[in-house]
């Protein structure tokens, strides 16, 4: 995800308020599967790609 989209833009695409989306981003609110699907769709990727942990193993 390239960071080129504002919270307002992403929240609107997901049919959420910007404060609610911000709470999801900061971990104050857990994202549900429907919102995961909407977020993945916004970025044009699958839910699996969105939640994949491809980072280095510690």
PDB file of N, CA and C in Angstrom:
ATOM      1  N   UNK A   1       0.846  -1.164   0.000  1.00  0.00           N
ATOM      2  CA  UNK A   1       0.000   0.000   0.000  1.00  0.00           C
ATOM      3  C   UNK A   1       0.891   1.225   0.000  1.00  0.00           C
ATOM      4  N   UNK A   2       0.616   2.119  -0.890  1.00  0.00           N
ATOM      5  CA  UNK A   2       1.550   3.193  -1.186  1.00  0.00           C
ATOM      6  C   UNK A   2       1.422   4.440  -0.327  1.00  0.00           C
ATOM      7  N   UNK A   3       0.433   4.549   0.523  1.00  0.00           N
ATOM      8  CA  UNK A   3       0.286   5.722   1.367  1.00  0.00           C
ATOM      9  C   UNK A   3      -0.214   6.951   0.642  1.00  0.00           C
ATOM     10  N   UNK A   4      -0.636   6.810  -0.603  1.00  0.00           N
ATOM     11  CA  UNK A   4      -1.073   7.957  -1.398  1.00  0.00           C
ATOM     12  C   UNK A   4      -2.518   8.350  -1.105  1.00  0.00           C
ATOM     13  N   UNK A   5      -3.234   7.554  -0.350  1.00  0.00           N
ATOM     14  CA  UNK A   5      -4.646   7.828  -0.079  1.00  0.00           C
ATOM     15  C   UNK A   5      -4.816   8.367   1.338  1.00  0.00           C
ATOM     16  N   UNK A   6      -5.697   9.326   1.489  1.00  0.00           N
ATOM     17  CA  UNK A   6      -5.982   9.859   2.816  1.00  0.00           C
ATOM     18  C   UNK A   6      -6.914   8.915   3.566  1.00  0.00           C
ATOM     19  N   UNK A   7      -6.940   9.057   4.884  1.00  0.00           N
ATOM     20  CA  UNK A   7      -7.880   8.275   5.683  1.00  0.00           C
ATOM     21  C   UNK A   7      -9.303   8.565   5.241  1.00  0.00           C
ATOM     22  N   UNK A   8      -9.588   9.816   4.930  1.00  0.00           N
ATOM     23  CA  UNK A   8     -10.934  10.212   4.500  1.00  0.00           C
ATOM     24  C   UNK A   8     -11.339   9.451   3.239  1.00  0.00           C
ATOM     25  N   UNK A   9     -10.424   9.348   2.288  1.00  0.00           N
ATOM     26  CA  UNK A   9     -10.692   8.665   1.021  1.00  0.00           C
ATOM     27  C   UNK A   9     -10.936   7.170   1.244  1.00  0.00           C
ATOM     28  N   UNK A  10     -10.067   6.536   2.024  1.00  0.00           N
ATOM     29  CA  UNK A  10     -10.209   5.103   2.278  1.00  0.00           C
ATOM     30  C   UNK A  10     -11.475   4.833   3.083  1.00  0.00           C
ATOM     31  N   UNK A  11     -11.713   5.639   4.110  1.00  0.00           N
ATOM     32  CA  UNK A  11     -12.907   5.467   4.944  1.00  0.00           C
ATOM     33  C   UNK A  11     -14.175   5.592   4.108  1.00  0.00           C
ATOM     34  N   UNK A  12     -14.225   6.573   3.236  1.00  0.00           N
ATOM     35  CA  UNK A  12     -15.408   6.767   2.390  1.00  0.00           C
ATOM     36  C   UNK A  12     -15.629   5.555   1.490  1.00  0.00           C
ATOM     37  N   UNK A  13     -14.557   5.014   0.931  1.00  0.00           N
ATOM     38  CA  UNK A  13     -14.674   3.841   0.063  1.00  0.00           C
ATOM     39  C   UNK A  13     -15.176   2.626   0.841  1.00  0.00           C
ATOM     40  N   UNK A  14     -14.844   2.572   2.132  1.00  0.00           N
ATOM     41  CA  UNK A  14     -15.265   1.460   2.978  1.00  0.00           C
ATOM     42  C   UNK A  14     -16.606   1.730   3.655  1.00  0.00           C
ATOM     43  N   UNK A  15     -17.175   2.911   3.395  1.00  0.00           N
ATOM     44  CA  UNK A  15     -18.440   3.330   4.014  1.00  0.00           C
ATOM     45  C   UNK A  15     -18.325   3.404   5.537  1.00  0.00           C
ATOM     46  N   UNK A  16     -17.195   3.964   5.996  1.00  0.00           N
ATOM     47  CA  UNK A  16     -16.932   4.175   7.414  1.00  0.00           C
ATOM     48  C   UNK A  16     -16.675   5.652   7.653  1.00  0.00           C
ATOM     49  N   UNK A  17     -16.806   6.074   8.899  1.00  0.00           N
ATOM     50  CA  UNK A  17     -16.384   7.436   9.235  1.00  0.00           C
ATOM     51  C   UNK A  17     -14.858   7.458   9.294  1.00  0.00           C
ATOM     52  N   UNK A  18     -14.267   8.616   9.083  1.00  0.00           N
ATOM     53  CA  UNK A  18     -12.818   8.723   9.171  1.00  0.00           C
ATOM     54  C   UNK A  18     -12.319   8.379  10.572  1.00  0.00           C
ATOM     55  N   UNK A  19     -12.986   8.856  11.653  1.00  0.00           N
ATOM     56  CA  UNK A  19     -12.515   8.468  12.987  1.00  0.00           C
ATOM     57  C   UNK A  19     -12.551   6.949  13.221  1.00  0.00           C
ATOM     58  N   UNK A  20     -13.589   6.278  12.712  1.00  0.00           N
ATOM     59  CA  UNK A  20     -13.664   4.821  12.887  1.00  0.00           C
ATOM     60  C   UNK A  20     -12.524   4.142  12.124  1.00  0.00           C
ATOM     61  N   UNK A  21     -12.258   4.578  10.906  1.00  0.00           N
ATOM     62  CA  UNK A  21     -11.151   3.999  10.140  1.00  0.00           C
ATOM     63  C   UNK A  21      -9.823   4.264  10.848  1.00  0.00           C
ATOM     64  N   UNK A  22      -9.660   5.461  11.391  1.00  0.00           N
ATOM     65  CA  UNK A  22      -8.449   5.787  12.145  1.00  0.00           C
ATOM     66  C   UNK A  22      -8.284   4.844  13.332  1.00  0.00           C
ATOM     67  N   UNK A  23      -9.380   4.546  14.021  1.00  0.00           N
ATOM     68  CA  UNK A  23      -9.324   3.615  15.151  1.00  0.00           C
ATOM     69  C   UNK A  23      -8.931   2.214  14.708  1.00  0.00           C
ATOM     70  N   UNK A  24      -9.344   1.806  13.522  1.00  0.00           N
ATOM     71  CA  UNK A  24      -8.918   0.514  12.977  1.00  0.00           C
ATOM     72  C   UNK A  24      -7.419   0.552  12.704  1.00  0.00           C
ATOM     73  N   UNK A  25      -6.947   1.619  12.062  1.00  0.00           N
ATOM     74  CA  UNK A  25      -5.519   1.744  11.738  1.00  0.00           C
ATOM     75  C   UNK A  25      -4.641   1.695  12.981  1.00  0.00           C
ATOM     76  N   UNK A  26      -5.093   2.322  14.054  1.00  0.00           N
ATOM     77  CA  UNK A  26      -4.278   2.407  15.266  1.00  0.00           C
ATOM     78  C   UNK A  26      -4.485   1.235  16.214  1.00  0.00           C
ATOM     79  N   UNK A  27      -5.375   0.308  15.866  1.00  0.00           N
ATOM     80  CA  UNK A  27      -5.591  -0.869  16.684  1.00  0.00           C
ATOM     81  C   UNK A  27      -6.552  -0.671  17.842  1.00  0.00           C
ATOM     82  N   UNK A  28      -7.206   0.473  17.903  1.00  0.00           N
ATOM     83  CA  UNK A  28      -8.188   0.707  18.970  1.00  0.00           C
ATOM     84  C   UNK A  28      -9.458  -0.104  18.740  1.00  0.00           C
ATOM     85  N   UNK A  29      -9.740  -0.414  17.470  1.00  0.00           N
ATOM     86  CA  UNK A  29     -10.919  -1.191  17.081  1.00  0.00           C
ATOM     87  C   UNK A  29     -10.438  -2.319  16.176  1.00  0.00           C
ATOM     88  N   UNK A  30     -10.941  -3.525  16.413  1.00  0.00           N
ATOM     89  CA  UNK A  30     -10.597  -4.652  15.549  1.00  0.00           C
ATOM     90  C   UNK A  30     -11.398  -4.552  14.252  1.00  0.00           C
ATOM     91  N   UNK A  31     -10.730  -4.825  13.149  1.00  0.00           N
ATOM     92  CA  UNK A  31     -11.399  -4.795  11.848  1.00  0.00           C
ATOM     93  C   UNK A  31     -12.177  -6.100  11.670  1.00  0.00           C
ATOM     94  N   UNK A  32     -13.386  -6.009  11.133  1.00  0.00           N
ATOM     95  CA  UNK A  32     -14.150  -7.231  10.877  1.00  0.00           C
ATOM     96  C   UNK A  32     -13.911  -7.684   9.432  1.00  0.00           C
ATOM     97  N   UNK A  33     -14.386  -8.880   9.123  1.00  0.00           N
ATOM     98  CA  UNK A  33     -14.098  -9.454   7.807  1.00  0.00           C
ATOM     99  C   UNK A  33     -14.692  -8.634   6.668  1.00  0.00           C
ATOM    100  N   UNK A  34     -15.893  -8.108   6.852  1.00  0.00           N
ATOM    101  CA  UNK A  34     -16.495  -7.290   5.791  1.00  0.00           C
ATOM    102  C   UNK A  34     -15.648  -6.062   5.498  1.00  0.00           C
ATOM    103  N   UNK A  35     -15.110  -5.453   6.547  1.00  0.00           N
ATOM    104  CA  UNK A  35     -14.255  -4.288   6.336  1.00  0.00           C
ATOM    105  C   UNK A  35     -12.915  -4.693   5.720  1.00  0.00           C
ATOM    106  N   UNK A  36     -12.406  -5.877   6.090  1.00  0.00           N
ATOM    107  CA  UNK A  36     -11.190  -6.385   5.439  1.00  0.00           C
ATOM    108  C   UNK A  36     -11.416  -6.546   3.940  1.00  0.00           C
ATOM    109  N   UNK A  37     -12.581  -7.102   3.584  1.00  0.00           N
ATOM    110  CA  UNK A  37     -12.900  -7.270   2.166  1.00  0.00           C
ATOM    111  C   UNK A  37     -12.973  -5.915   1.468  1.00  0.00           C
ATOM    112  N   UNK A  38     -13.593  -4.944   2.103  1.00  0.00           N
ATOM    113  CA  UNK A  38     -13.708  -3.615   1.502  1.00  0.00           C
ATOM    114  C   UNK A  38     -12.337  -2.974   1.339  1.00  0.00           C
ATOM    115  N   UNK A  39     -11.478  -3.119   2.344  1.00  0.00           N
ATOM    116  CA  UNK A  39     -10.138  -2.534   2.269  1.00  0.00           C
ATOM    117  C   UNK A  39      -9.311  -3.208   1.178  1.00  0.00           C
ATOM    118  N   UNK A  40      -9.375  -4.532   1.119  1.00  0.00           N
ATOM    119  CA  UNK A  40      -8.654  -5.261   0.071  1.00  0.00           C
ATOM    120  C   UNK A  40      -9.164  -4.851  -1.302  1.00  0.00           C
ATOM    121  N   UNK A  41     -10.480  -4.740  -1.446  1.00  0.00           N
ATOM    122  CA  UNK A  41     -11.056  -4.314  -2.721  1.00  0.00           C
ATOM    123  C   UNK A  41     -10.616  -2.916  -3.107  1.00  0.00           C
ATOM    124  N   UNK A  42     -10.531  -2.032  -2.134  1.00  0.00           N
ATOM    125  CA  UNK A  42     -10.085  -0.663  -2.399  1.00  0.00           C
ATOM    126  C   UNK A  42      -8.689  -0.659  -3.016  1.00  0.00           C
ATOM    127  N   UNK A  43      -7.806  -1.498  -2.469  1.00  0.00           N
ATOM    128  CA  UNK A  43      -6.427  -1.547  -2.966  1.00  0.00           C
ATOM    129  C   UNK A  43      -6.240  -2.534  -4.113  1.00  0.00           C
ATOM    130  N   UNK A  44      -7.305  -3.250  -4.492  1.00  0.00           N
ATOM    131  CA  UNK A  44      -7.218  -4.172  -5.618  1.00  0.00           C
ATOM    132  C   UNK A  44      -6.407  -5.418  -5.329  1.00  0.00           C
ATOM    133  N   UNK A  45      -6.461  -5.879  -4.074  1.00  0.00           N
ATOM    134  CA  UNK A  45      -5.748  -7.091  -3.686  1.00  0.00           C
ATOM    135  C   UNK A  45      -6.712  -8.008  -2.943  1.00  0.00           C
ATOM    136  N   UNK A  46      -6.286  -9.237  -2.690  1.00  0.00           N
ATOM    137  CA  UNK A  46      -7.124 -10.178  -1.944  1.00  0.00           C
ATOM    138  C   UNK A  46      -6.960  -9.945  -0.444  1.00  0.00           C
ATOM    139  N   UNK A  47      -7.910 -10.458   0.326  1.00  0.00           N
ATOM    140  CA  UNK A  47      -7.795 -10.384   1.783  1.00  0.00           C
ATOM    141  C   UNK A  47      -6.538 -11.122   2.229  1.00  0.00           C
ATOM    142  N   UNK A  48      -6.240 -12.255   1.605  1.00  0.00           N
ATOM    143  CA  UNK A  48      -5.035 -13.020   1.950  1.00  0.00           C
ATOM    144  C   UNK A  48      -3.780 -12.177   1.762  1.00  0.00           C
ATOM    145  N   UNK A  49      -3.722 -11.430   0.665  1.00  0.00           N
ATOM    146  CA  UNK A  49      -2.565 -10.559   0.439  1.00  0.00           C
ATOM    147  C   UNK A  49      -2.508  -9.443   1.472  1.00  0.00           C
ATOM    148  N   UNK A  50      -3.663  -8.938   1.846  1.00  0.00           N
ATOM    149  CA  UNK A  50      -3.725  -7.843   2.809  1.00  0.00           C
ATOM    150  C   UNK A  50      -3.202  -8.266   4.173  1.00  0.00           C
ATOM    151  N   UNK A  51      -3.521  -9.480   4.589  1.00  0.00           N
ATOM    152  CA  UNK A  51      -3.139  -9.918   5.932  1.00  0.00           C
ATOM    153  C   UNK A  51      -1.885 -10.792   5.957  1.00  0.00           C
ATOM    154  N   UNK A  52      -1.275 -11.035   4.806  1.00  0.00           N
ATOM    155  CA  UNK A  52      -0.078 -11.876   4.744  1.00  0.00           C
ATOM    156  C   UNK A  52       1.050 -11.262   5.560  1.00  0.00           C
ATOM    157  N   UNK A  53       1.762 -12.112   6.241  1.00  0.00           N
ATOM    158  CA  UNK A  53       2.928 -11.682   7.009  1.00  0.00           C
ATOM    159  C   UNK A  53       4.172 -12.134   6.257  1.00  0.00           C
ATOM    160  N   UNK A  54       4.613 -11.284   5.351  1.00  0.00           N
ATOM    161  CA  UNK A  54       5.780 -11.615   4.534  1.00  0.00           C
ATOM    162  C   UNK A  54       7.055 -10.990   5.076  1.00  0.00           C
ATOM    163  N   UNK A  55       6.989 -10.464   6.269  1.00  0.00           N
ATOM    164  CA  UNK A  55       8.150  -9.805   6.857  1.00  0.00           C
ATOM    165  C   UNK A  55       9.173 -10.811   7.351  1.00  0.00           C
ATOM    166  N   UNK A  56      10.293 -10.304   7.815  1.00  0.00           N
ATOM    167  CA  UNK A  56      11.346 -11.194   8.309  1.00  0.00           C
ATOM    168  C   UNK A  56      10.895 -11.939   9.563  1.00  0.00           C
ATOM    169  N   UNK A  57      11.322 -13.161   9.682  1.00  0.00           N
ATOM    170  CA  UNK A  57      11.018 -13.964  10.869  1.00  0.00           C
ATOM    171  C   UNK A  57      11.994 -13.594  11.976  1.00  0.00           C
ATOM    172  N   UNK A  58      11.464 -13.342  13.153  1.00  0.00           N
ATOM    173  CA  UNK A  58      12.324 -12.967  14.290  1.00  0.00           C
ATOM    174  C   UNK A  58      12.705 -14.170  15.101  1.00  0.00           C
TER     175      UNK A  58
END
